[in-house]
Amino acid sequence: MKEFIYQYKLPIIFGGLGLILAILLVSIGFFKTLLLVVLTVLGTMIGFYLEQSGLFRDIFKPRNK
């Protein structure tokens, strides 16, 4: 079973994302789903930028006790 999941990891992930997207389209509509996807992508891009720039590195670094 582990070999199956490892071999078909990307189709399983994108199949799950497609299912979630289809459920959102049916339940809340096209434009609300589109807004949700755009804001999620924008938030992810901002997170990657902040991680690479190190702007908040001091705030979120683990504290040694």
N, C-alpha and C. Protein backbone atom coordinates (compact mmCIF):
# COMPACT_ATOMS: atom_id res chain seq x y z
N MET A 1 0.82 -1.19 0.00
CA MET A 1 0.00 0.00 0.00
C MET A 1 0.86 1.26 0.00
N LYS A 2 1.99 1.24 0.76
CA LYS A 2 2.88 2.41 0.78
C LYS A 2 3.46 2.67 -0.61
N GLU A 3 3.80 1.59 -1.32
CA GLU A 3 4.36 1.76 -2.66
C GLU A 3 3.34 2.38 -3.60
N PHE A 4 2.08 1.96 -3.47
CA PHE A 4 1.01 2.52 -4.31
C PHE A 4 0.85 4.01 -4.05
N ILE A 5 0.80 4.39 -2.79
CA ILE A 5 0.64 5.80 -2.45
C ILE A 5 1.85 6.60 -2.90
N TYR A 6 3.05 6.07 -2.71
CA TYR A 6 4.26 6.79 -3.13
C TYR A 6 4.31 6.94 -4.64
N GLN A 7 3.91 5.88 -5.37
CA GLN A 7 3.97 5.91 -6.82
C GLN A 7 2.95 6.88 -7.41
N TYR A 8 1.77 6.95 -6.82
CA TYR A 8 0.69 7.80 -7.34
C TYR A 8 0.39 8.97 -6.42
N LYS A 9 1.42 9.53 -5.81
CA LYS A 9 1.24 10.61 -4.83
C LYS A 9 0.61 11.85 -5.46
N LEU A 10 1.14 12.32 -6.57
CA LEU A 10 0.60 13.54 -7.19
C LEU A 10 -0.82 13.36 -7.71
N PRO A 11 -1.15 12.26 -8.40
CA PRO A 11 -2.56 12.12 -8.80
C PRO A 11 -3.52 12.05 -7.62
N ILE A 12 -3.10 11.45 -6.52
CA ILE A 12 -3.96 11.39 -5.33
C ILE A 12 -4.16 12.78 -4.74
N ILE A 13 -3.08 13.55 -4.63
CA ILE A 13 -3.17 14.91 -4.08
C ILE A 13 -4.05 15.79 -4.96
N PHE A 14 -3.81 15.78 -6.27
CA PHE A 14 -4.58 16.66 -7.16
C PHE A 14 -6.01 16.16 -7.34
N GLY A 15 -6.23 14.87 -7.21
CA GLY A 15 -7.59 14.36 -7.22
C GLY A 15 -8.36 14.86 -6.01
N GLY A 16 -7.71 14.87 -4.84
CA GLY A 16 -8.33 15.41 -3.63
C GLY A 16 -8.60 16.90 -3.75
N LEU A 17 -7.63 17.64 -4.32
CA LEU A 17 -7.84 19.08 -4.53
C LEU A 17 -8.98 19.33 -5.50
N GLY A 18 -9.08 18.51 -6.54
CA GLY A 18 -10.19 18.64 -7.49
C GLY A 18 -11.52 18.37 -6.83
N LEU A 19 -11.57 17.38 -5.95
CA LEU A 19 -12.80 17.08 -5.23
C LEU A 19 -13.21 18.25 -4.34
N ILE A 20 -12.25 18.81 -3.62
CA ILE A 20 -12.54 19.96 -2.75
C ILE A 20 -13.03 21.15 -3.58
N LEU A 21 -12.37 21.39 -4.71
CA LEU A 21 -12.77 22.49 -5.59
C LEU A 21 -14.17 22.28 -6.14
N ALA A 22 -14.50 21.06 -6.53
CA ALA A 22 -15.84 20.77 -7.04
C ALA A 22 -16.90 20.97 -5.96
N ILE A 23 -16.61 20.54 -4.75
CA ILE A 23 -17.56 20.73 -3.64
C ILE A 23 -17.76 22.21 -3.38
N LEU A 24 -16.68 22.99 -3.40
CA LEU A 24 -16.81 24.44 -3.20
C LEU A 24 -17.62 25.08 -4.31
N LEU A 25 -17.37 24.68 -5.56
CA LEU A 25 -18.12 25.26 -6.68
C LEU A 25 -19.61 24.98 -6.56
N VAL A 26 -19.96 23.79 -6.16
CA VAL A 26 -21.37 23.43 -6.06
C VAL A 26 -22.02 24.10 -4.85
N SER A 27 -21.28 24.19 -3.74
CA SER A 27 -21.92 24.69 -2.52
C SER A 27 -21.93 26.21 -2.40
N ILE A 28 -20.86 26.90 -2.81
CA ILE A 28 -20.84 28.36 -2.61
C ILE A 28 -20.82 29.16 -3.90
N GLY A 29 -20.64 28.52 -5.04
CA GLY A 29 -20.70 29.23 -6.31
C GLY A 29 -19.33 29.52 -6.90
N PHE A 30 -19.35 29.92 -8.17
CA PHE A 30 -18.11 30.10 -8.93
C PHE A 30 -17.27 31.27 -8.42
N PHE A 31 -17.88 32.45 -8.28
CA PHE A 31 -17.10 33.64 -7.96
C PHE A 31 -16.56 33.61 -6.52
N LYS A 32 -17.31 33.07 -5.60
CA LYS A 32 -16.81 32.95 -4.23
C LYS A 32 -15.67 31.94 -4.17
N THR A 33 -15.78 30.86 -4.94
CA THR A 33 -14.71 29.87 -5.00
C THR A 33 -13.48 30.48 -5.65
N LEU A 34 -13.67 31.25 -6.71
CA LEU A 34 -12.55 31.91 -7.38
C LEU A 34 -11.85 32.88 -6.44
N LEU A 35 -12.62 33.66 -5.68
CA LEU A 35 -12.04 34.58 -4.71
C LEU A 35 -11.25 33.82 -3.65
N LEU A 36 -11.79 32.71 -3.18
CA LEU A 36 -11.12 31.89 -2.18
C LEU A 36 -9.79 31.36 -2.71
N VAL A 37 -9.77 30.88 -3.95
CA VAL A 37 -8.54 30.36 -4.55
C VAL A 37 -7.52 31.47 -4.75
N VAL A 38 -7.95 32.62 -5.24
CA VAL A 38 -7.03 33.74 -5.46
C VAL A 38 -6.42 34.21 -4.15
N LEU A 39 -7.23 34.36 -3.11
CA LEU A 39 -6.71 34.82 -1.82
C LEU A 39 -5.78 33.78 -1.19
N THR A 40 -6.07 32.50 -1.39
CA THR A 40 -5.19 31.45 -0.87
C THR A 40 -3.84 31.48 -1.57
N VAL A 41 -3.85 31.63 -2.89
CA VAL A 41 -2.59 31.70 -3.64
C VAL A 41 -1.81 32.95 -3.25
N LEU A 42 -2.49 34.07 -3.10
CA LEU A 42 -1.84 35.32 -2.70
C LEU A 42 -1.22 35.20 -1.31
N GLY A 43 -1.95 34.61 -0.38
CA GLY A 43 -1.41 34.42 0.96
C GLY A 43 -0.20 33.49 0.97
N THR A 44 -0.25 32.45 0.15
CA THR A 44 0.89 31.54 0.06
C THR A 44 2.11 32.24 -0.52
N MET A 45 1.90 33.05 -1.55
CA MET A 45 3.00 33.79 -2.15
C MET A 45 3.61 34.78 -1.16
N ILE A 46 2.79 35.47 -0.40
CA ILE A 46 3.29 36.40 0.61
C ILE A 46 4.06 35.64 1.68
N GLY A 47 3.56 34.48 2.09
CA GLY A 47 4.26 33.66 3.08
C GLY A 47 5.63 33.21 2.60
N PHE A 48 5.72 32.76 1.34
CA PHE A 48 7.01 32.36 0.79
C PHE A 48 7.96 33.53 0.71
N TYR A 49 7.45 34.70 0.30
CA TYR A 49 8.30 35.89 0.22
C TYR A 49 8.84 36.28 1.60
N LEU A 50 7.98 36.29 2.60
CA LEU A 50 8.42 36.66 3.94
C LEU A 50 9.40 35.65 4.51
N GLU A 51 9.22 34.39 4.17
CA GLU A 51 10.14 33.36 4.65
C GLU A 51 11.52 33.53 4.00
N GLN A 52 11.55 33.82 2.72
CA GLN A 52 12.82 33.98 2.02
C GLN A 52 13.53 35.27 2.40
N SER A 53 12.77 36.33 2.65
CA SER A 53 13.40 37.60 2.99
C SER A 53 13.86 37.65 4.44
N GLY A 54 13.30 36.79 5.29
CA GLY A 54 13.69 36.76 6.69
C GLY A 54 13.16 37.92 7.49
N LEU A 55 12.13 38.56 7.00
CA LEU A 55 11.59 39.75 7.65
C LEU A 55 11.05 39.45 9.04
N PHE A 56 10.39 38.32 9.21
CA PHE A 56 9.80 37.98 10.50
C PHE A 56 10.57 36.86 11.20
N ARG A 57 11.80 36.63 10.81
CA ARG A 57 12.56 35.51 11.37
C ARG A 57 12.75 35.65 12.88
N ASP A 58 12.99 36.85 13.35
CA ASP A 58 13.20 37.05 14.79
C ASP A 58 11.91 36.86 15.58
N ILE A 59 10.79 37.18 15.00
CA ILE A 59 9.52 37.07 15.70
C ILE A 59 9.11 35.61 15.87
N PHE A 60 9.31 34.80 14.82
CA PHE A 60 8.81 33.43 14.81
C PHE A 60 9.87 32.39 15.11
N LYS A 61 11.06 32.79 15.51
CA LYS A 61 12.07 31.78 15.81
C LYS A 61 11.78 31.13 17.16
N PRO A 62 12.10 29.84 17.29
CA PRO A 62 11.83 29.16 18.56
C PRO A 62 12.73 29.70 19.68
N ARG A 63 12.15 29.78 20.84
CA ARG A 63 12.90 30.28 22.00
C ARG A 63 13.53 29.12 22.74
N ASN A 64 14.76 29.31 23.16
CA ASN A 64 15.45 28.30 23.96
C ASN A 64 15.17 28.58 25.44
N LYS A 65 14.70 27.56 26.13
CA LYS A 65 14.36 27.75 27.55
C LYS A 65 15.43 27.16 28.42
